[in-house]
PDB file of N, CA and C in Angstrom:
ATOM      1  N   MET A   1      11.546  14.975 -14.454  1.00  0.00           N
ATOM      2  CA  MET A   1      11.424  14.195 -15.665  1.00  0.00           C
ATOM      3  C   MET A   1      11.599  12.718 -15.309  1.00  0.00           C
ATOM      4  N   LEU A   2      10.774  11.883 -15.888  1.00  0.00           N
ATOM      5  CA  LEU A   2      10.826  10.441 -15.667  1.00  0.00           C
ATOM      6  C   LEU A   2      11.679   9.806 -16.758  1.00  0.00           C
ATOM      7  N   HIS A   3      12.672   9.028 -16.358  1.00  0.00           N
ATOM      8  CA  HIS A   3      13.507   8.287 -17.302  1.00  0.00           C
ATOM      9  C   HIS A   3      12.999   6.850 -17.306  1.00  0.00           C
ATOM     10  N   LEU A   4      12.398   6.425 -18.411  1.00  0.00           N
ATOM     11  CA  LEU A   4      11.720   5.134 -18.449  1.00  0.00           C
ATOM     12  C   LEU A   4      12.589   3.967 -18.020  1.00  0.00           C
ATOM     13  N   VAL A   5      13.749   3.828 -18.610  1.00  0.00           N
ATOM     14  CA  VAL A   5      14.582   2.669 -18.299  1.00  0.00           C
ATOM     15  C   VAL A   5      15.049   2.724 -16.850  1.00  0.00           C
ATOM     16  N   ARG A   6      15.565   3.837 -16.431  1.00  0.00           N
ATOM     17  CA  ARG A   6      16.084   3.957 -15.067  1.00  0.00           C
ATOM     18  C   ARG A   6      14.978   3.914 -14.007  1.00  0.00           C
ATOM     19  N   ASP A   7      13.873   4.591 -14.242  1.00  0.00           N
ATOM     20  CA  ASP A   7      12.854   4.767 -13.214  1.00  0.00           C
ATOM     21  C   ASP A   7      11.717   3.749 -13.254  1.00  0.00           C
ATOM     22  N   VAL A   8      11.597   2.990 -14.331  1.00  0.00           N
ATOM     23  CA  VAL A   8      10.458   2.080 -14.455  1.00  0.00           C
ATOM     24  C   VAL A   8      10.893   0.629 -14.673  1.00  0.00           C
ATOM     25  N   LEU A   9      11.751   0.385 -15.632  1.00  0.00           N
ATOM     26  CA  LEU A   9      12.135  -0.980 -15.969  1.00  0.00           C
ATOM     27  C   LEU A   9      12.799  -1.674 -14.785  1.00  0.00           C
ATOM     28  N   ASP A  10      12.389  -2.901 -14.521  1.00  0.00           N
ATOM     29  CA  ASP A  10      12.901  -3.749 -13.429  1.00  0.00           C
ATOM     30  C   ASP A  10      12.507  -3.284 -12.037  1.00  0.00           C
ATOM     31  N   LYS A  11      11.546  -2.377 -11.923  1.00  0.00           N
ATOM     32  CA  LYS A  11      11.055  -1.950 -10.605  1.00  0.00           C
ATOM     33  C   LYS A  11       9.941  -2.893 -10.148  1.00  0.00           C
ATOM     34  N   GLN A  12       9.832  -3.054  -8.840  1.00  0.00           N
ATOM     35  CA  GLN A  12       8.808  -3.904  -8.233  1.00  0.00           C
ATOM     36  C   GLN A  12       7.420  -3.323  -8.490  1.00  0.00           C
ATOM     37  N   LEU A  13       6.481  -4.175  -8.901  1.00  0.00           N
ATOM     38  CA  LEU A  13       5.088  -3.770  -9.062  1.00  0.00           C
ATOM     39  C   LEU A  13       4.336  -4.083  -7.771  1.00  0.00           C
ATOM     40  N   VAL A  14       3.449  -3.169  -7.377  1.00  0.00           N
ATOM     41  CA  VAL A  14       2.632  -3.346  -6.180  1.00  0.00           C
ATOM     42  C   VAL A  14       1.188  -3.067  -6.581  1.00  0.00           C
ATOM     43  N   ASP A  15       0.287  -4.011  -6.260  1.00  0.00           N
ATOM     44  CA  ASP A  15      -1.116  -3.840  -6.665  1.00  0.00           C
ATOM     45  C   ASP A  15      -1.871  -2.940  -5.687  1.00  0.00           C
ATOM     46  N   ARG A  16      -3.164  -2.756  -5.929  1.00  0.00           N
ATOM     47  CA  ARG A  16      -3.960  -1.818  -5.129  1.00  0.00           C
ATOM     48  C   ARG A  16      -4.127  -2.240  -3.674  1.00  0.00           C
ATOM     49  N   GLU A  17      -3.845  -3.511  -3.382  1.00  0.00           N
ATOM     50  CA  GLU A  17      -3.918  -4.006  -2.007  1.00  0.00           C
ATOM     51  C   GLU A  17      -2.556  -4.022  -1.334  1.00  0.00           C
ATOM     52  N   GLY A  18      -1.529  -3.504  -2.010  1.00  0.00           N
ATOM     53  CA  GLY A  18      -0.191  -3.460  -1.441  1.00  0.00           C
ATOM     54  C   GLY A  18       0.609  -4.737  -1.612  1.00  0.00           C
ATOM     55  N   ARG A  19       0.149  -5.639  -2.500  1.00  0.00           N
ATOM     56  CA  ARG A  19       0.832  -6.915  -2.723  1.00  0.00           C
ATOM     57  C   ARG A  19       1.841  -6.785  -3.854  1.00  0.00           C
ATOM     58  N   PRO A  20       3.106  -7.166  -3.615  1.00  0.00           N
ATOM     59  CA  PRO A  20       4.081  -7.183  -4.705  1.00  0.00           C
ATOM     60  C   PRO A  20       3.780  -8.358  -5.637  1.00  0.00           C
ATOM     61  N   PHE A  21       3.930  -8.149  -6.948  1.00  0.00           N
ATOM     62  CA  PHE A  21       3.614  -9.248  -7.868  1.00  0.00           C
ATOM     63  C   PHE A  21       4.487  -9.258  -9.117  1.00  0.00           C
ATOM     64  N   GLY A  22       5.738  -9.041  -8.948  1.00  0.00           N
ATOM     65  CA  GLY A  22       6.648  -9.100 -10.093  1.00  0.00           C
ATOM     66  C   GLY A  22       7.294  -7.756 -10.336  1.00  0.00           C
ATOM     67  N   LYS A  23       8.124  -7.740 -11.343  1.00  0.00           N
ATOM     68  CA  LYS A  23       8.837  -6.513 -11.704  1.00  0.00           C
ATOM     69  C   LYS A  23       8.505  -6.145 -13.139  1.00  0.00           C
ATOM     70  N   VAL A  24       8.628  -4.872 -13.442  1.00  0.00           N
ATOM     71  CA  VAL A  24       8.348  -4.402 -14.800  1.00  0.00           C
ATOM     72  C   VAL A  24       9.414  -4.985 -15.732  1.00  0.00           C
ATOM     73  N   ASP A  25       8.970  -5.817 -16.657  1.00  0.00           N
ATOM     74  CA  ASP A  25       9.881  -6.466 -17.595  1.00  0.00           C
ATOM     75  C   ASP A  25       9.923  -5.769 -18.951  1.00  0.00           C
ATOM     76  N   GLY A  26       8.898  -4.980 -19.249  1.00  0.00           N
ATOM     77  CA  GLY A  26       8.859  -4.302 -20.536  1.00  0.00           C
ATOM     78  C   GLY A  26       7.981  -3.071 -20.506  1.00  0.00           C
ATOM     79  N   ILE A  27       8.229  -2.189 -21.443  1.00  0.00           N
ATOM     80  CA  ILE A  27       7.459  -0.953 -21.585  1.00  0.00           C
ATOM     81  C   ILE A  27       6.940  -0.922 -23.019  1.00  0.00           C
ATOM     82  N   VAL A  28       5.628  -0.802 -23.172  1.00  0.00           N
ATOM     83  CA  VAL A  28       5.016  -0.781 -24.497  1.00  0.00           C
ATOM     84  C   VAL A  28       4.806   0.671 -24.899  1.00  0.00           C
ATOM     85  N   LEU A  29       5.371   1.051 -26.040  1.00  0.00           N
ATOM     86  CA  LEU A  29       5.281   2.425 -26.527  1.00  0.00           C
ATOM     87  C   LEU A  29       4.436   2.492 -27.793  1.00  0.00           C
ATOM     88  N   GLU A  30       3.776   3.615 -27.967  1.00  0.00           N
ATOM     89  CA  GLU A  30       3.032   3.888 -29.193  1.00  0.00           C
ATOM     90  C   GLU A  30       3.863   4.864 -30.018  1.00  0.00           C
ATOM     91  N   VAL A  31       4.056   4.513 -31.277  1.00  0.00           N
ATOM     92  CA  VAL A  31       4.832   5.361 -32.189  1.00  0.00           C
ATOM     93  C   VAL A  31       3.876   5.898 -33.249  1.00  0.00           C
ATOM     94  N   ARG A  32       3.829   7.222 -33.360  1.00  0.00           N
ATOM     95  CA  ARG A  32       2.991   7.861 -34.386  1.00  0.00           C
ATOM     96  C   ARG A  32       3.826   8.885 -35.131  1.00  0.00           C
ATOM     97  N   ASP A  33       3.608   8.982 -36.423  1.00  0.00           N
ATOM     98  CA  ASP A  33       4.342   9.959 -37.233  1.00  0.00           C
ATOM     99  C   ASP A  33       4.148  11.362 -36.684  1.00  0.00           C
ATOM    100  N   GLY A  34       5.265  12.062 -36.504  1.00  0.00           N
ATOM    101  CA  GLY A  34       5.216  13.452 -36.074  1.00  0.00           C
ATOM    102  C   GLY A  34       4.855  13.672 -34.616  1.00  0.00           C
ATOM    103  N   ALA A  35       4.688  12.598 -33.854  1.00  0.00           N
ATOM    104  CA  ALA A  35       4.318  12.756 -32.446  1.00  0.00           C
ATOM    105  C   ALA A  35       5.377  12.106 -31.558  1.00  0.00           C
ATOM    106  N   ALA A  36       5.416  12.547 -30.332  1.00  0.00           N
ATOM    107  CA  ALA A  36       6.351  11.955 -29.369  1.00  0.00           C
ATOM    108  C   ALA A  36       5.900  10.532 -29.031  1.00  0.00           C
ATOM    109  N   LEU A  37       6.854   9.708 -28.620  1.00  0.00           N
ATOM    110  CA  LEU A  37       6.517   8.360 -28.161  1.00  0.00           C
ATOM    111  C   LEU A  37       5.596   8.477 -26.960  1.00  0.00           C
ATOM    112  N   ARG A  38       4.682   7.518 -26.830  1.00  0.00           N
ATOM    113  CA  ARG A  38       3.734   7.533 -25.721  1.00  0.00           C
ATOM    114  C   ARG A  38       3.699   6.157 -25.064  1.00  0.00           C
ATOM    115  N   VAL A  39       3.833   6.104 -23.753  1.00  0.00           N
ATOM    116  CA  VAL A  39       3.736   4.836 -23.022  1.00  0.00           C
ATOM    117  C   VAL A  39       2.273   4.429 -22.990  1.00  0.00           C
ATOM    118  N   ILE A  40       1.989   3.197 -23.440  1.00  0.00           N
ATOM    119  CA  ILE A  40       0.602   2.733 -23.378  1.00  0.00           C
ATOM    120  C   ILE A  40       0.415   1.594 -22.375  1.00  0.00           C
ATOM    121  N   ALA A  41       1.515   0.904 -22.009  1.00  0.00           N
ATOM    122  CA  ALA A  41       1.373  -0.189 -21.047  1.00  0.00           C
ATOM    123  C   ALA A  41       2.725  -0.591 -20.471  1.00  0.00           C
ATOM    124  N   LEU A  42       2.657  -1.286 -19.350  1.00  0.00           N
ATOM    125  CA  LEU A  42       3.827  -1.933 -18.758  1.00  0.00           C
ATOM    126  C   LEU A  42       3.580  -3.432 -18.843  1.00  0.00           C
ATOM    127  N   GLU A  43       4.638  -4.186 -19.022  1.00  0.00           N
ATOM    128  CA  GLU A  43       4.499  -5.639 -19.094  1.00  0.00           C
ATOM    129  C   GLU A  43       5.308  -6.304 -17.999  1.00  0.00           C
ATOM    130  N   VAL A  44       4.726  -7.358 -17.454  1.00  0.00           N
ATOM    131  CA  VAL A  44       5.397  -8.177 -16.453  1.00  0.00           C
ATOM    132  C   VAL A  44       5.179  -9.633 -16.849  1.00  0.00           C
ATOM    133  N   GLY A  45       6.244 -10.400 -16.830  1.00  0.00           N
ATOM    134  CA  GLY A  45       6.092 -11.818 -17.145  1.00  0.00           C
ATOM    135  C   GLY A  45       7.269 -12.375 -17.910  1.00  0.00           C
ATOM    136  N   ALA A  46       7.341 -13.691 -17.886  1.00  0.00           N
ATOM    137  CA  ALA A  46       8.475 -14.397 -18.475  1.00  0.00           C
ATOM    138  C   ALA A  46       8.609 -14.167 -19.974  1.00  0.00           C
ATOM    139  N   ALA A  47       7.514 -14.090 -20.697  1.00  0.00           N
ATOM    140  CA  ALA A  47       7.609 -13.914 -22.153  1.00  0.00           C
ATOM    141  C   ALA A  47       8.332 -12.612 -22.497  1.00  0.00           C
ATOM    142  N   THR A  48       8.010 -11.550 -21.792  1.00  0.00           N
ATOM    143  CA  THR A  48       8.677 -10.265 -22.026  1.00  0.00           C
ATOM    144  C   THR A  48      10.126 -10.325 -21.564  1.00  0.00           C
ATOM    145  N   ARG A  49      10.346 -10.910 -20.396  1.00  0.00           N
ATOM    146  CA  ARG A  49      11.699 -11.030 -19.851  1.00  0.00           C
ATOM    147  C   ARG A  49      12.585 -11.832 -20.798  1.00  0.00           C
ATOM    148  N   LEU A  50      12.055 -12.918 -21.346  1.00  0.00           N
ATOM    149  CA  LEU A  50      12.823 -13.747 -22.284  1.00  0.00           C
ATOM    150  C   LEU A  50      13.199 -12.970 -23.536  1.00  0.00           C
ATOM    151  N   GLY A  51      12.345 -12.028 -23.941  1.00  0.00           N
ATOM    152  CA  GLY A  51      12.637 -11.208 -25.104  1.00  0.00           C
ATOM    153  C   GLY A  51      13.846 -10.311 -24.909  1.00  0.00           C
ATOM    154  N   ARG A  52      14.239 -10.101 -23.666  1.00  0.00           N
ATOM    155  CA  ARG A  52      15.408  -9.269 -23.365  1.00  0.00           C
ATOM    156  C   ARG A  52      16.692 -10.089 -23.294  1.00  0.00           C
ATOM    157  N   LEU A  53      16.571 -11.403 -23.366  1.00  0.00           N
ATOM    158  CA  LEU A  53      17.741 -12.280 -23.271  1.00  0.00           C
ATOM    159  C   LEU A  53      18.325 -12.570 -24.648  1.00  0.00           C
ATOM    160  N   PRO A  54      19.577 -12.992 -24.686  1.00  0.00           N
ATOM    161  CA  PRO A  54      20.169 -13.384 -25.980  1.00  0.00           C
ATOM    162  C   PRO A  54      19.405 -14.557 -26.599  1.00  0.00           C
ATOM    163  N   ARG A  55      19.323 -14.571 -27.901  1.00  0.00           N
ATOM    164  CA  ARG A  55      18.562 -15.588 -28.633  1.00  0.00           C
ATOM    165  C   ARG A  55      19.044 -17.009 -28.322  1.00  0.00           C
ATOM    166  N   TRP A  56      20.360 -17.212 -28.198  1.00  0.00           N
ATOM    167  CA  TRP A  56      20.878 -18.555 -27.926  1.00  0.00           C
ATOM    168  C   TRP A  56      20.348 -19.092 -26.598  1.00  0.00           C
ATOM    169  N   LEU A  57      20.147 -18.210 -25.636  1.00  0.00           N
ATOM    170  CA  LEU A  57      19.662 -18.645 -24.337  1.00  0.00           C
ATOM    171  C   LEU A  57      18.185 -19.023 -24.400  1.00  0.00           C
ATOM    172  N   THR A  58      17.388 -18.262 -25.128  1.00  0.00           N
ATOM    173  CA  THR A  58      15.971 -18.602 -25.241  1.00  0.00           C
ATOM    174  C   THR A  58      15.783 -19.898 -26.017  1.00  0.00           C
ATOM    175  N   ARG A  59      16.632 -20.163 -26.997  1.00  0.00           N
ATOM    176  CA  ARG A  59      16.574 -21.455 -27.706  1.00  0.00           C
ATOM    177  C   ARG A  59      16.905 -22.595 -26.757  1.00  0.00           C
ATOM    178  N   TRP A  60      17.891 -22.368 -25.886  1.00  0.00           N
ATOM    179  CA  TRP A  60      18.301 -23.385 -24.934  1.00  0.00           C
ATOM    180  C   TRP A  60      17.168 -23.699 -23.950  1.00  0.00           C
ATOM    181  N   LEU A  61      16.376 -22.681 -23.606  1.00  0.00           N
ATOM    182  CA  LEU A  61      15.260 -22.888 -22.680  1.00  0.00           C
ATOM    183  C   LEU A  61      14.088 -23.610 -23.335  1.00  0.00           C
ATOM    184  N   GLY A  62      14.088 -23.649 -24.667  1.00  0.00           N
ATOM    185  CA  GLY A  62      13.153 -24.455 -25.447  1.00  0.00           C
ATOM    186  C   GLY A  62      11.700 -24.345 -25.087  1.00  0.00           C
ATOM    187  N   ARG A  63      11.122 -25.479 -24.712  1.00  0.00           N
ATOM    188  CA  ARG A  63       9.686 -25.587 -24.476  1.00  0.00           C
ATOM    189  C   ARG A  63       9.210 -24.634 -23.374  1.00  0.00           C
ATOM    190  N   TRP A  64      10.051 -24.441 -22.350  1.00  0.00           N
ATOM    191  CA  TRP A  64       9.644 -23.551 -21.272  1.00  0.00           C
ATOM    192  C   TRP A  64       9.409 -22.136 -21.799  1.00  0.00           C
ATOM    193  N   SER A  65      10.278 -21.663 -22.674  1.00  0.00           N
ATOM    194  CA  SER A  65      10.112 -20.302 -23.191  1.00  0.00           C
ATOM    195  C   SER A  65       8.896 -20.201 -24.105  1.00  0.00           C
ATOM    196  N   ALA A  66       8.539 -21.291 -24.768  1.00  0.00           N
ATOM    197  CA  ALA A  66       7.364 -21.274 -25.642  1.00  0.00           C
ATOM    198  C   ALA A  66       6.071 -21.161 -24.836  1.00  0.00           C
ATOM    199  N   ARG A  67       6.060 -21.626 -23.590  1.00  0.00           N
ATOM    200  CA  ARG A  67       4.863 -21.582 -22.746  1.00  0.00           C
ATOM    201  C   ARG A  67       4.782 -20.327 -21.895  1.00  0.00           C
ATOM    202  N   ALA A  68       5.794 -19.492 -21.936  1.00  0.00           N
ATOM    203  CA  ALA A  68       5.848 -18.292 -21.097  1.00  0.00           C
ATOM    204  C   ALA A  68       4.754 -17.300 -21.487  1.00  0.00           C
ATOM    205  N   THR A  69       4.242 -16.591 -20.486  1.00  0.00           N
ATOM    206  CA  THR A  69       3.208 -15.579 -20.709  1.00  0.00           C
ATOM    207  C   THR A  69       3.635 -14.250 -20.094  1.00  0.00           C
ATOM    208  N   SER A  70       2.916 -13.214 -20.450  1.00  0.00           N
ATOM    209  CA  SER A  70       3.131 -11.889 -19.868  1.00  0.00           C
ATOM    210  C   SER A  70       1.786 -11.249 -19.588  1.00  0.00           C
ATOM    211  N   THR A  71       1.793 -10.314 -18.661  1.00  0.00           N
ATOM    212  CA  THR A  71       0.611  -9.535 -18.323  1.00  0.00           C
ATOM    213  C   THR A  71       0.872  -8.095 -18.733  1.00  0.00           C
ATOM    214  N   ARG A  72      -0.063  -7.512 -19.448  1.00  0.00           N
ATOM    215  CA  ARG A  72       0.063  -6.119 -19.875  1.00  0.00           C
ATOM    216  C   ARG A  72      -0.832  -5.255 -18.993  1.00  0.00           C
ATOM    217  N   LEU A  73      -0.215  -4.278 -18.356  1.00  0.00           N
ATOM    218  CA  LEU A  73      -0.932  -3.355 -17.474  1.00  0.00           C
ATOM    219  C   LEU A  73      -1.052  -2.010 -18.169  1.00  0.00           C
ATOM    220  N   PRO A  74      -2.274  -1.546 -18.432  1.00  0.00           N
ATOM    221  CA  PRO A  74      -2.446  -0.264 -19.129  1.00  0.00           C
ATOM    222  C   PRO A  74      -1.799   0.882 -18.368  1.00  0.00           C
ATOM    223  N   GLN A  75      -1.282   1.844 -19.086  1.00  0.00           N
ATOM    224  CA  GLN A  75      -0.632   3.006 -18.484  1.00  0.00           C
ATOM    225  C   GLN A  75      -1.588   3.714 -17.527  1.00  0.00           C
ATOM    226  N   ALA A  76      -2.862   3.704 -17.839  1.00  0.00           N
ATOM    227  CA  ALA A  76      -3.852   4.380 -16.990  1.00  0.00           C
ATOM    228  C   ALA A  76      -3.950   3.740 -15.609  1.00  0.00           C
ATOM    229  N   SER A  77      -3.499   2.501 -15.451  1.00  0.00           N
ATOM    230  CA  SER A  77      -3.579   1.843 -14.142  1.00  0.00           C
ATOM    231  C   SER A  77      -2.407   2.208 -13.231  1.00  0.00           C
ATOM    232  N   VAL A  78      -1.396   2.906 -13.766  1.00  0.00           N
ATOM    233  CA  VAL A  78      -0.250   3.304 -12.950  1.00  0.00           C
ATOM    234  C   VAL A  78      -0.659   4.460 -12.039  1.00  0.00           C
ATOM    235  N   VAL A  79      -0.503   4.241 -10.731  1.00  0.00           N
ATOM    236  CA  VAL A  79      -0.906   5.232  -9.742  1.00  0.00           C
ATOM    237  C   VAL A  79       0.285   6.088  -9.323  1.00  0.00           C
ATOM    238  N   ALA A  80       1.433   5.447  -9.083  1.00  0.00           N
ATOM    239  CA  ALA A  80       2.614   6.184  -8.617  1.00  0.00           C
ATOM    240  C   ALA A  80       3.879   5.443  -9.029  1.00  0.00           C
ATOM    241  N   VAL A  81       4.921   6.239  -9.293  1.00  0.00           N
ATOM    242  CA  VAL A  81       6.235   5.697  -9.638  1.00  0.00           C
ATOM    243  C   VAL A  81       7.227   6.231  -8.621  1.00  0.00           C
ATOM    244  N   GLY A  82       7.864   5.327  -7.919  1.00  0.00           N
ATOM    245  CA  GLY A  82       8.874   5.685  -6.923  1.00  0.00           C
ATOM    246  C   GLY A  82       9.847   4.524  -6.822  1.00  0.00           C
ATOM    247  N   ARG A  83      10.129   4.109  -5.603  1.00  0.00           N
ATOM    248  CA  ARG A  83      10.972   2.908  -5.433  1.00  0.00           C
ATOM    249  C   ARG A  83      10.250   1.689  -5.998  1.00  0.00           C
ATOM    250  N   GLU A  84       8.933   1.709  -5.929  1.00  0.00           N
ATOM    251  CA  GLU A  84       8.079   0.687  -6.530  1.00  0.00           C
ATOM    252  C   GLU A  84       7.125   1.368  -7.508  1.00  0.00           C
ATOM    253  N   ILE A  85       6.509   0.547  -8.345  1.00  0.00           N
ATOM    254  CA  ILE A  85       5.489   1.042  -9.263  1.00  0.00           C
ATOM    255  C   ILE A  85       4.143   0.572  -8.718  1.00  0.00           C
ATOM    256  N   TYR A  86       3.314   1.504  -8.311  1.00  0.00           N
ATOM    257  CA  TYR A  86       1.999   1.173  -7.762  1.00  0.00           C
ATOM    258  C   TYR A  86       0.960   1.229  -8.878  1.00  0.00           C
ATOM    259  N   VAL A  87       0.160   0.151  -8.976  1.00  0.00           N
ATOM    260  CA  VAL A  87      -0.854   0.077 -10.021  1.00  0.00           C
ATOM    261  C   VAL A  87      -2.211  -0.238  -9.416  1.00  0.00           C
ATOM    262  N   ALA A  88      -3.245   0.293 -10.029  1.00  0.00           N
ATOM    263  CA  ALA A  88      -4.616   0.112  -9.557  1.00  0.00           C
ATOM    264  C   ALA A  88      -5.234  -1.122 -10.196  1.00  0.00           C
ATOM    265  N   VAL A  89      -4.634  -2.273  -9.950  1.00  0.00           N
ATOM    266  CA  VAL A  89      -5.165  -3.546 -10.430  1.00  0.00           C
ATOM    267  C   VAL A  89      -5.141  -4.548  -9.280  1.00  0.00           C
ATOM    268  N   ASP A  90      -5.926  -5.608  -9.416  1.00  0.00           N
ATOM    269  CA  ASP A  90      -5.908  -6.706  -8.459  1.00  0.00           C
ATOM    270  C   ASP A  90      -4.944  -7.756  -9.006  1.00  0.00           C
ATOM    271  N   ALA A  91      -3.780  -7.861  -8.380  1.00  0.00           N
ATOM    272  CA  ALA A  91      -2.736  -8.766  -8.866  1.00  0.00           C
ATOM    273  C   ALA A  91      -3.211 -10.208  -8.940  1.00  0.00           C
ATOM    274  N   THR A  92      -4.123 -10.604  -8.051  1.00  0.00           N
ATOM    275  CA  THR A  92      -4.559 -12.003  -8.024  1.00  0.00           C
ATOM    276  C   THR A  92      -5.323 -12.396  -9.283  1.00  0.00           C
ATOM    277  N   GLN A  93      -5.722 -11.419 -10.063  1.00  0.00           N
ATOM    278  CA  GLN A  93      -6.459 -11.687 -11.302  1.00  0.00           C
ATOM    279  C   GLN A  93      -5.555 -11.691 -12.536  1.00  0.00           C
ATOM    280  N   THR A  94      -4.246 -11.683 -12.339  1.00  0.00           N
ATOM    281  CA  THR A  94      -3.308 -11.629 -13.459  1.00  0.00           C
ATOM    282  C   THR A  94      -2.497 -12.911 -13.565  1.00  0.00           C
ATOM    283  N   ALA A  95      -1.986 -13.165 -14.760  1.00  0.00           N
ATOM    284  CA  ALA A  95      -1.095 -14.309 -14.969  1.00  0.00           C
ATOM    285  C   ALA A  95       0.191 -14.132 -14.171  1.00  0.00           C
ATOM    286  N   ALA A  96       0.620 -12.906 -13.987  1.00  0.00           N
ATOM    287  CA  ALA A  96       1.837 -12.634 -13.224  1.00  0.00           C
ATOM    288  C   ALA A  96       1.701 -13.140 -11.792  1.00  0.00           C
ATOM    289  N   TRP A  97       0.525 -13.004 -11.199  1.00  0.00           N
ATOM    290  CA  TRP A  97       0.310 -13.475  -9.833  1.00  0.00           C
ATOM    291  C   TRP A  97       0.399 -15.000  -9.771  1.00  0.00           C
ATOM    292  N   ARG A  98      -0.154 -15.666 -10.763  1.00  0.00           N
ATOM    293  CA  ARG A  98      -0.103 -17.132 -10.788  1.00  0.00           C
ATOM    294  C   ARG A  98       1.337 -17.616 -10.853  1.00  0.00           C
ATOM    295  N   VAL A  99       2.169 -16.953 -11.622  1.00  0.00           N
ATOM    296  CA  VAL A  99       3.585 -17.321 -11.712  1.00  0.00           C
ATOM    297  C   VAL A  99       4.279 -17.071 -10.381  1.00  0.00           C
ATOM    298  N   GLU A 100       4.013 -15.934  -9.748  1.00  0.00           N
ATOM    299  CA  GLU A 100       4.617 -15.635  -8.448  1.00  0.00           C
ATOM    300  C   GLU A 100       4.212 -16.682  -7.411  1.00  0.00           C
ATOM    301  N   ALA A 101       2.947 -17.081  -7.409  1.00  0.00           N
ATOM    302  CA  ALA A 101       2.470 -18.083  -6.458  1.00  0.00           C
ATOM    303  C   ALA A 101       3.147 -19.432  -6.714  1.00  0.00           C
ATOM    304  N   TRP A 102       3.292 -19.801  -7.984  1.00  0.00           N
ATOM    305  CA  TRP A 102       3.955 -21.058  -8.337  1.00  0.00           C
ATOM    306  C   TRP A 102       5.416 -21.032  -7.878  1.00  0.00           C
ATOM    307  N   LEU A 103       6.107 -19.937  -8.111  1.00  0.00           N
ATOM    308  CA  LEU A 103       7.500 -19.821  -7.675  1.00  0.00           C
ATOM    309  C   LEU A 103       7.614 -19.900  -6.150  1.00  0.00           C
ATOM    310  N   ALA A 104       6.686 -19.283  -5.437  1.00  0.00           N
ATOM    311  CA  ALA A 104       6.710 -19.337  -3.972  1.00  0.00           C
ATOM    312  C   ALA A 104       6.549 -20.776  -3.489  1.00  0.00           C
ATOM    313  N   ARG A 105       5.625 -21.528  -4.119  1.00  0.00           N
ATOM    314  CA  ARG A 105       5.451 -22.937  -3.743  1.00  0.00           C
ATOM    315  C   ARG A 105       6.705 -23.743  -4.055  1.00  0.00           C
ATOM    316  N   LEU A 106       7.333 -23.477  -5.183  1.00  0.00           N
ATOM    317  CA  LEU A 106       8.546 -24.185  -5.580  1.00  0.00           C
ATOM    318  C   LEU A 106       9.678 -23.917  -4.590  1.00  0.00           C
ATOM    319  N   ILE A 107       9.839 -22.669  -4.211  1.00  0.00           N
ATOM    320  CA  ILE A 107      10.919 -22.291  -3.306  1.00  0.00           C
ATOM    321  C   ILE A 107      10.765 -22.946  -1.937  1.00  0.00           C
ATOM    322  N   THR A 108       9.525 -23.079  -1.451  1.00  0.00           N
ATOM    323  CA  THR A 108       9.331 -23.703  -0.136  1.00  0.00           C
ATOM    324  C   THR A 108       9.711 -25.181  -0.159  1.00  0.00           C
ATOM    325  N   ARG A 109       9.757 -25.797  -1.327  1.00  0.00           N
ATOM    326  CA  ARG A 109      10.143 -27.209  -1.435  1.00  0.00           C
ATOM    327  C   ARG A 109      11.655 -27.398  -1.490  1.00  0.00           C
ATOM    328  N   LEU A 110      12.393 -26.336  -1.753  1.00  0.00           N
ATOM    329  CA  LEU A 110      13.844 -26.432  -1.836  1.00  0.00           C
ATOM    330  C   LEU A 110      14.446 -26.471  -0.438  1.00  0.00           C
ATOM    331  N   PRO A 111      15.571 -27.173  -0.262  1.00  0.00           N
ATOM    332  CA  PRO A 111      16.222 -27.179   1.040  1.00  0.00           C
ATOM    333  C   PRO A 111      16.596 -25.752   1.467  1.00  0.00           C
ATOM    334  N   GLY A 112      16.170 -25.372   2.659  1.00  0.00           N
ATOM    335  CA  GLY A 112      16.441 -24.041   3.173  1.00  0.00           C
ATOM    336  C   GLY A 112      15.498 -22.986   2.653  1.00  0.00           C
ATOM    337  N   GLY A 113      14.547 -23.357   1.808  1.00  0.00           N
ATOM    338  CA  GLY A 113      13.648 -22.378   1.200  1.00  0.00           C
ATOM    339  C   GLY A 113      12.377 -22.145   1.970  1.00  0.00           C
ATOM    340  N   GLY A 114      12.101 -22.920   2.980  1.00  0.00           N
ATOM    341  CA  GLY A 114      10.821 -22.785   3.626  1.00  0.00           C
ATOM    342  C   GLY A 114      10.899 -22.369   5.008  1.00  0.00           C
TER     343      GLY A 114
END
C-alpha cells in the first residue's frame, strides 16, 4: 500500500533523462461523491510549497510569494515511486527546471558555493 504523505510528499523528482528537478511539494486529489479519493497530479514549485507555510510567513515574503509558480505533473506521467519519484516528462520544459537552474546559478555566486 502506498502512503501518499510518507511515500510521495517531499520526495525527489527525476525526469525521463534521469535529471533531478525538485521535490514533490503537493498532491492534487479528485473528490467525488461516493467514490474514493483519486490522485490526479503531483505539484512541484514555490507556489505550492508556500501554501504549506504559515500565513504570517507568506505575508512576510510579500512580492516574492506573489510571483511564485508551480508545475503540475499528471498522475499518468508517474513511472515509479521509490526513494525518488520517476516521471516520464522532460524537466527542461517545466517551470520547476527554470527555478532549479536559477538557484544553481545563485549558489555558485555565494562564497564557498562554487
